[in-house]
N, C-alpha and C. Protein backbone atom coordinates (compact mmCIF):
# COMPACT_ATOMS: atom_id res chain seq x y z
N MET A 1 0.84 -1.17 0.00
CA MET A 1 0.00 0.00 0.00
C MET A 1 0.89 1.23 0.00
N LYS A 2 0.61 2.14 -0.87
CA LYS A 2 1.39 3.37 -0.95
C LYS A 2 0.51 4.56 -0.58
N TYR A 3 1.09 5.44 0.22
CA TYR A 3 0.37 6.62 0.68
C TYR A 3 1.05 7.91 0.24
N ASN A 4 1.75 7.85 -0.90
CA ASN A 4 2.45 9.05 -1.36
C ASN A 4 1.50 10.09 -1.94
N CYS A 5 0.24 9.74 -2.09
CA CYS A 5 -0.73 10.72 -2.58
C CYS A 5 -1.32 11.55 -1.42
N PHE A 6 -0.95 11.19 -0.18
CA PHE A 6 -1.43 11.92 0.99
C PHE A 6 -0.32 12.83 1.51
N SER A 7 -0.60 14.12 1.57
CA SER A 7 0.33 15.07 2.17
C SER A 7 0.39 14.82 3.68
N ILE A 8 1.50 15.18 4.30
CA ILE A 8 1.59 15.02 5.75
C ILE A 8 0.58 15.91 6.48
N GLU A 9 -0.03 16.82 5.77
CA GLU A 9 -1.06 17.67 6.37
C GLU A 9 -2.24 16.85 6.89
N VAL A 10 -2.51 15.70 6.25
CA VAL A 10 -3.65 14.87 6.68
C VAL A 10 -3.43 14.29 8.08
N LEU A 11 -2.20 14.34 8.58
CA LEU A 11 -1.91 13.81 9.91
C LEU A 11 -2.28 14.78 11.02
N ASN A 12 -2.57 16.02 10.64
CA ASN A 12 -2.98 17.06 11.61
C ASN A 12 -1.97 17.23 12.74
N LEU A 13 -0.70 17.29 12.36
CA LEU A 13 0.36 17.50 13.34
C LEU A 13 0.37 18.95 13.80
N THR A 14 0.89 19.18 14.98
CA THR A 14 1.06 20.55 15.42
C THR A 14 2.19 21.19 14.60
N THR A 15 2.35 22.47 14.73
CA THR A 15 3.28 23.22 13.88
C THR A 15 4.72 22.73 13.96
N ARG A 16 5.22 22.50 15.14
CA ARG A 16 6.64 22.13 15.29
C ARG A 16 7.01 20.85 14.54
N PRO A 17 6.34 19.71 14.77
CA PRO A 17 6.72 18.52 14.02
C PRO A 17 6.41 18.63 12.53
N TYR A 18 5.32 19.29 12.20
CA TYR A 18 4.98 19.46 10.78
C TYR A 18 6.09 20.21 10.04
N ARG A 19 6.49 21.35 10.59
CA ARG A 19 7.52 22.15 9.93
C ARG A 19 8.87 21.44 9.93
N ALA A 20 9.20 20.72 11.00
CA ALA A 20 10.47 19.99 11.06
C ALA A 20 10.51 18.93 9.95
N LEU A 21 9.43 18.20 9.79
CA LEU A 21 9.38 17.18 8.72
C LEU A 21 9.46 17.83 7.35
N TRP A 22 8.73 18.92 7.17
CA TRP A 22 8.70 19.61 5.88
C TRP A 22 10.10 20.12 5.51
N HIS A 23 10.77 20.72 6.47
CA HIS A 23 12.13 21.24 6.20
C HIS A 23 13.13 20.12 5.95
N TYR A 24 12.87 18.96 6.52
CA TYR A 24 13.74 17.80 6.31
C TYR A 24 13.51 17.18 4.93
N GLY A 25 12.37 17.50 4.31
CA GLY A 25 12.07 16.97 2.98
C GLY A 25 11.03 15.87 2.97
N ILE A 26 10.30 15.75 4.05
CA ILE A 26 9.23 14.76 4.12
C ILE A 26 7.92 15.50 3.85
N TYR A 27 7.34 15.22 2.68
CA TYR A 27 6.15 15.94 2.26
C TYR A 27 4.89 15.07 2.22
N ASN A 28 5.07 13.75 2.15
CA ASN A 28 3.88 12.89 2.10
C ASN A 28 3.96 11.78 3.14
N VAL A 29 2.83 11.17 3.39
CA VAL A 29 2.71 10.16 4.44
C VAL A 29 3.61 8.96 4.16
N GLN A 30 3.73 8.56 2.89
CA GLN A 30 4.56 7.40 2.58
C GLN A 30 6.02 7.64 2.95
N GLN A 31 6.54 8.82 2.67
CA GLN A 31 7.92 9.14 3.05
C GLN A 31 8.10 9.02 4.56
N LEU A 32 7.13 9.51 5.30
CA LEU A 32 7.21 9.47 6.75
C LEU A 32 7.13 8.03 7.27
N ILE A 33 6.21 7.25 6.73
CA ILE A 33 6.08 5.86 7.15
C ILE A 33 7.35 5.08 6.84
N ASP A 34 7.92 5.31 5.65
CA ASP A 34 9.16 4.62 5.28
C ASP A 34 10.29 4.93 6.25
N LEU A 35 10.44 6.22 6.59
CA LEU A 35 11.49 6.62 7.53
C LEU A 35 11.21 6.03 8.91
N TYR A 36 9.97 6.11 9.34
CA TYR A 36 9.58 5.59 10.66
C TYR A 36 9.86 4.09 10.77
N LYS A 37 9.51 3.34 9.73
CA LYS A 37 9.70 1.89 9.78
C LYS A 37 11.16 1.49 9.62
N SER A 38 11.92 2.26 8.87
CA SER A 38 13.31 1.87 8.61
C SER A 38 14.26 2.32 9.71
N ASP A 39 14.05 3.52 10.27
CA ASP A 39 15.02 4.03 11.24
C ASP A 39 14.39 5.10 12.14
N LYS A 40 13.78 4.66 13.22
CA LYS A 40 13.13 5.59 14.15
C LYS A 40 14.13 6.56 14.76
N SER A 41 15.36 6.09 14.98
CA SER A 41 16.36 6.98 15.58
C SER A 41 16.70 8.14 14.63
N LYS A 42 16.68 7.88 13.33
CA LYS A 42 16.94 8.95 12.36
C LYS A 42 15.81 9.99 12.40
N LEU A 43 14.60 9.52 12.60
CA LEU A 43 13.46 10.43 12.71
C LEU A 43 13.63 11.33 13.93
N MET A 44 14.10 10.77 15.03
CA MET A 44 14.29 11.56 16.25
C MET A 44 15.46 12.53 16.14
N LYS A 45 16.37 12.29 15.19
CA LYS A 45 17.51 13.17 15.02
C LYS A 45 17.21 14.38 14.13
N ILE A 46 16.01 14.42 13.55
CA ILE A 46 15.63 15.57 12.74
C ILE A 46 15.54 16.78 13.65
N ARG A 47 16.09 17.87 13.18
CA ARG A 47 16.09 19.10 13.97
C ARG A 47 14.67 19.47 14.39
N ASN A 48 14.51 19.82 15.65
CA ASN A 48 13.25 20.23 16.28
C ASN A 48 12.27 19.09 16.53
N ILE A 49 12.74 17.85 16.42
CA ILE A 49 11.89 16.73 16.80
C ILE A 49 12.48 16.09 18.04
N GLY A 50 11.82 16.36 19.15
CA GLY A 50 12.21 15.76 20.41
C GLY A 50 11.25 14.63 20.74
N ALA A 51 11.29 14.21 21.97
CA ALA A 51 10.46 13.09 22.40
C ALA A 51 8.96 13.37 22.23
N GLU A 52 8.56 14.58 22.59
CA GLU A 52 7.14 14.93 22.48
C GLU A 52 6.67 14.94 21.03
N SER A 53 7.45 15.56 20.15
CA SER A 53 7.10 15.58 18.73
C SER A 53 7.13 14.18 18.13
N PHE A 54 8.12 13.38 18.54
CA PHE A 54 8.21 12.01 18.04
C PHE A 54 6.96 11.23 18.44
N ASN A 55 6.54 11.35 19.69
CA ASN A 55 5.33 10.66 20.15
C ASN A 55 4.10 11.11 19.37
N GLU A 56 4.03 12.40 19.10
CA GLU A 56 2.91 12.93 18.32
C GLU A 56 2.90 12.35 16.91
N ILE A 57 4.07 12.29 16.28
CA ILE A 57 4.19 11.73 14.93
C ILE A 57 3.81 10.25 14.94
N GLU A 58 4.34 9.53 15.92
CA GLU A 58 4.06 8.09 16.02
C GLU A 58 2.56 7.83 16.17
N THR A 59 1.91 8.59 17.03
CA THR A 59 0.47 8.46 17.23
C THR A 59 -0.29 8.81 15.96
N ALA A 60 0.14 9.87 15.28
CA ALA A 60 -0.53 10.29 14.04
C ALA A 60 -0.41 9.22 12.96
N ILE A 61 0.76 8.59 12.85
CA ILE A 61 0.93 7.51 11.86
C ILE A 61 0.01 6.35 12.19
N GLN A 62 -0.01 5.95 13.45
CA GLN A 62 -0.86 4.83 13.87
C GLN A 62 -2.34 5.13 13.63
N ASN A 63 -2.77 6.35 13.96
CA ASN A 63 -4.16 6.73 13.74
C ASN A 63 -4.51 6.75 12.25
N PHE A 64 -3.59 7.26 11.44
CA PHE A 64 -3.81 7.30 9.99
C PHE A 64 -3.98 5.89 9.45
N LEU A 65 -3.07 5.00 9.81
CA LEU A 65 -3.14 3.62 9.32
C LEU A 65 -4.39 2.91 9.82
N LYS A 66 -4.78 3.18 11.06
CA LYS A 66 -6.00 2.58 11.60
C LYS A 66 -7.21 3.07 10.82
N LYS A 67 -7.23 4.37 10.51
CA LYS A 67 -8.33 4.94 9.73
C LYS A 67 -8.40 4.32 8.34
N GLU A 68 -7.24 3.98 7.80
CA GLU A 68 -7.17 3.34 6.48
C GLU A 68 -7.48 1.84 6.56
N GLY A 69 -7.67 1.34 7.77
CA GLY A 69 -7.99 -0.07 7.95
C GLY A 69 -6.78 -0.97 7.93
N VAL A 70 -5.60 -0.41 8.14
CA VAL A 70 -4.36 -1.18 8.13
C VAL A 70 -3.92 -1.45 9.56
N THR A 71 -3.60 -2.71 9.84
CA THR A 71 -3.07 -3.07 11.15
C THR A 71 -1.71 -3.72 10.95
N ASP A 72 -0.95 -3.85 12.02
CA ASP A 72 0.37 -4.46 11.93
C ASP A 72 0.30 -5.90 11.42
N ASP A 73 -0.73 -6.62 11.86
CA ASP A 73 -0.82 -8.02 11.47
C ASP A 73 -1.50 -8.21 10.12
N ASN A 74 -2.14 -7.18 9.58
CA ASN A 74 -2.77 -7.28 8.27
C ASN A 74 -2.66 -5.94 7.55
N PRO A 75 -1.76 -5.83 6.57
CA PRO A 75 -1.57 -4.56 5.88
C PRO A 75 -2.67 -4.23 4.88
N LEU A 76 -3.69 -5.09 4.76
CA LEU A 76 -4.77 -4.86 3.81
C LEU A 76 -5.98 -4.28 4.52
N THR A 77 -6.73 -3.46 3.80
CA THR A 77 -8.00 -2.98 4.33
C THR A 77 -8.97 -4.16 4.32
N PRO A 78 -10.08 -4.08 5.03
CA PRO A 78 -11.05 -5.18 5.01
C PRO A 78 -11.55 -5.52 3.59
N ALA A 79 -11.80 -4.51 2.77
CA ALA A 79 -12.25 -4.76 1.39
C ALA A 79 -11.17 -5.47 0.58
N GLU A 80 -9.92 -5.03 0.73
CA GLU A 80 -8.82 -5.67 0.02
C GLU A 80 -8.62 -7.10 0.50
N GLN A 81 -8.76 -7.32 1.81
CA GLN A 81 -8.62 -8.67 2.36
C GLN A 81 -9.70 -9.58 1.80
N HIS A 82 -10.93 -9.07 1.71
CA HIS A 82 -12.03 -9.86 1.17
C HIS A 82 -11.74 -10.27 -0.28
N LEU A 83 -11.29 -9.33 -1.10
CA LEU A 83 -10.96 -9.66 -2.49
C LEU A 83 -9.80 -10.64 -2.57
N TYR A 84 -8.81 -10.45 -1.72
CA TYR A 84 -7.67 -11.37 -1.68
C TYR A 84 -8.16 -12.78 -1.34
N ASP A 85 -9.04 -12.88 -0.37
CA ASP A 85 -9.57 -14.18 0.02
C ASP A 85 -10.36 -14.83 -1.12
N GLU A 86 -11.14 -14.04 -1.83
CA GLU A 86 -11.90 -14.56 -2.97
C GLU A 86 -10.96 -15.08 -4.06
N LEU A 87 -9.93 -14.32 -4.36
CA LEU A 87 -8.97 -14.75 -5.38
C LEU A 87 -8.25 -16.02 -4.96
N THR A 88 -7.85 -16.09 -3.70
CA THR A 88 -7.17 -17.28 -3.18
C THR A 88 -8.07 -18.49 -3.28
N THR A 89 -9.35 -18.32 -2.96
CA THR A 89 -10.31 -19.42 -3.04
C THR A 89 -10.43 -19.92 -4.48
N LEU A 90 -10.54 -18.98 -5.43
CA LEU A 90 -10.63 -19.38 -6.84
C LEU A 90 -9.43 -20.20 -7.27
N ILE A 91 -8.26 -19.76 -6.89
CA ILE A 91 -7.04 -20.44 -7.27
C ILE A 91 -6.95 -21.80 -6.59
N ASN A 92 -7.28 -21.85 -5.30
CA ASN A 92 -7.19 -23.11 -4.55
C ASN A 92 -8.22 -24.14 -4.99
N GLN A 93 -9.32 -23.70 -5.57
CA GLN A 93 -10.34 -24.63 -6.06
C GLN A 93 -9.92 -25.28 -7.38
N GLY A 94 -8.79 -24.84 -7.92
CA GLY A 94 -8.31 -25.41 -9.18
C GLY A 94 -9.15 -24.98 -10.36
N ARG A 95 -9.80 -23.87 -10.24
CA ARG A 95 -10.65 -23.37 -11.33
C ARG A 95 -9.80 -22.54 -12.30
N TYR A 96 -8.76 -23.12 -12.80
CA TYR A 96 -7.85 -22.40 -13.68
C TYR A 96 -8.49 -21.98 -14.99
N PRO A 97 -9.28 -22.83 -15.67
CA PRO A 97 -9.90 -22.35 -16.91
C PRO A 97 -10.87 -21.22 -16.59
N GLY A 98 -10.65 -20.10 -17.19
CA GLY A 98 -11.53 -18.95 -17.00
C GLY A 98 -11.24 -18.14 -15.75
N VAL A 99 -10.32 -18.60 -14.92
CA VAL A 99 -10.05 -17.89 -13.69
C VAL A 99 -9.37 -16.54 -13.96
N ALA A 100 -8.64 -16.45 -15.05
CA ALA A 100 -7.96 -15.19 -15.37
C ALA A 100 -8.97 -14.06 -15.52
N ASP A 101 -10.09 -14.33 -16.19
CA ASP A 101 -11.13 -13.30 -16.35
C ASP A 101 -11.69 -12.88 -15.00
N GLU A 102 -11.91 -13.86 -14.13
CA GLU A 102 -12.44 -13.54 -12.81
C GLU A 102 -11.43 -12.75 -11.98
N ILE A 103 -10.15 -13.09 -12.11
CA ILE A 103 -9.11 -12.37 -11.38
C ILE A 103 -9.04 -10.93 -11.88
N ILE A 104 -9.09 -10.74 -13.17
CA ILE A 104 -9.06 -9.38 -13.73
C ILE A 104 -10.25 -8.58 -13.23
N GLU A 105 -11.41 -9.19 -13.20
CA GLU A 105 -12.61 -8.52 -12.71
C GLU A 105 -12.45 -8.12 -11.24
N LYS A 106 -11.92 -9.03 -10.42
CA LYS A 106 -11.70 -8.74 -9.00
C LYS A 106 -10.64 -7.66 -8.81
N LEU A 107 -9.59 -7.70 -9.62
CA LEU A 107 -8.55 -6.67 -9.51
C LEU A 107 -9.10 -5.30 -9.91
N ASP A 108 -9.95 -5.25 -10.93
CA ASP A 108 -10.59 -4.00 -11.31
C ASP A 108 -11.42 -3.46 -10.14
N GLU A 109 -12.13 -4.36 -9.48
CA GLU A 109 -12.93 -3.98 -8.33
C GLU A 109 -12.05 -3.43 -7.20
N LEU A 110 -10.92 -4.09 -6.98
CA LEU A 110 -9.98 -3.65 -5.95
C LEU A 110 -9.43 -2.26 -6.26
N VAL A 111 -9.06 -2.04 -7.51
CA VAL A 111 -8.55 -0.72 -7.92
C VAL A 111 -9.61 0.34 -7.72
N ASP A 112 -10.85 0.05 -8.09
CA ASP A 112 -11.94 1.01 -7.92
C ASP A 112 -12.12 1.37 -6.44
N LYS A 113 -12.07 0.38 -5.56
CA LYS A 113 -12.21 0.65 -4.12
C LYS A 113 -11.05 1.50 -3.61
N PHE A 114 -9.86 1.19 -4.09
CA PHE A 114 -8.69 1.97 -3.68
C PHE A 114 -8.83 3.42 -4.13
N LEU A 115 -9.24 3.64 -5.37
CA LEU A 115 -9.39 5.00 -5.88
C LEU A 115 -10.46 5.77 -5.13
N GLU A 116 -11.53 5.09 -4.75
CA GLU A 116 -12.57 5.74 -3.96
C GLU A 116 -12.00 6.17 -2.59
N ARG A 117 -11.16 5.32 -2.02
CA ARG A 117 -10.62 5.59 -0.68
C ARG A 117 -9.67 6.78 -0.70
N ILE A 118 -8.91 6.98 -1.75
CA ILE A 118 -7.92 8.06 -1.75
C ILE A 118 -8.47 9.39 -2.21
N LYS A 119 -9.74 9.42 -2.63
CA LYS A 119 -10.33 10.69 -3.05
C LYS A 119 -10.57 11.59 -1.88
């Protein structure tokens, strides 16, 4: 899942952490999530981000992902998980003839749901 279409403004951070991230070159949620997941200590070393700002950022990321329906144990939204389960069932049933059309149809549905969510 990519969140580079979401500006960090959607996190509703207070001025200090927002401006610190912006000046560091983090403009979208995906950049922030990538940095957070790869190296939390680097995030804390950004100028003007202390413990309080770090906690605010961490909470904002978790709230954003929760709102998007993403959890640590399942990176898919409930709708995406449902489609994934349907596709897995089709494949596991050995319904290979004609399954490609059904997969394409399900993937189209998944893309439509994703586009609706990011609007």
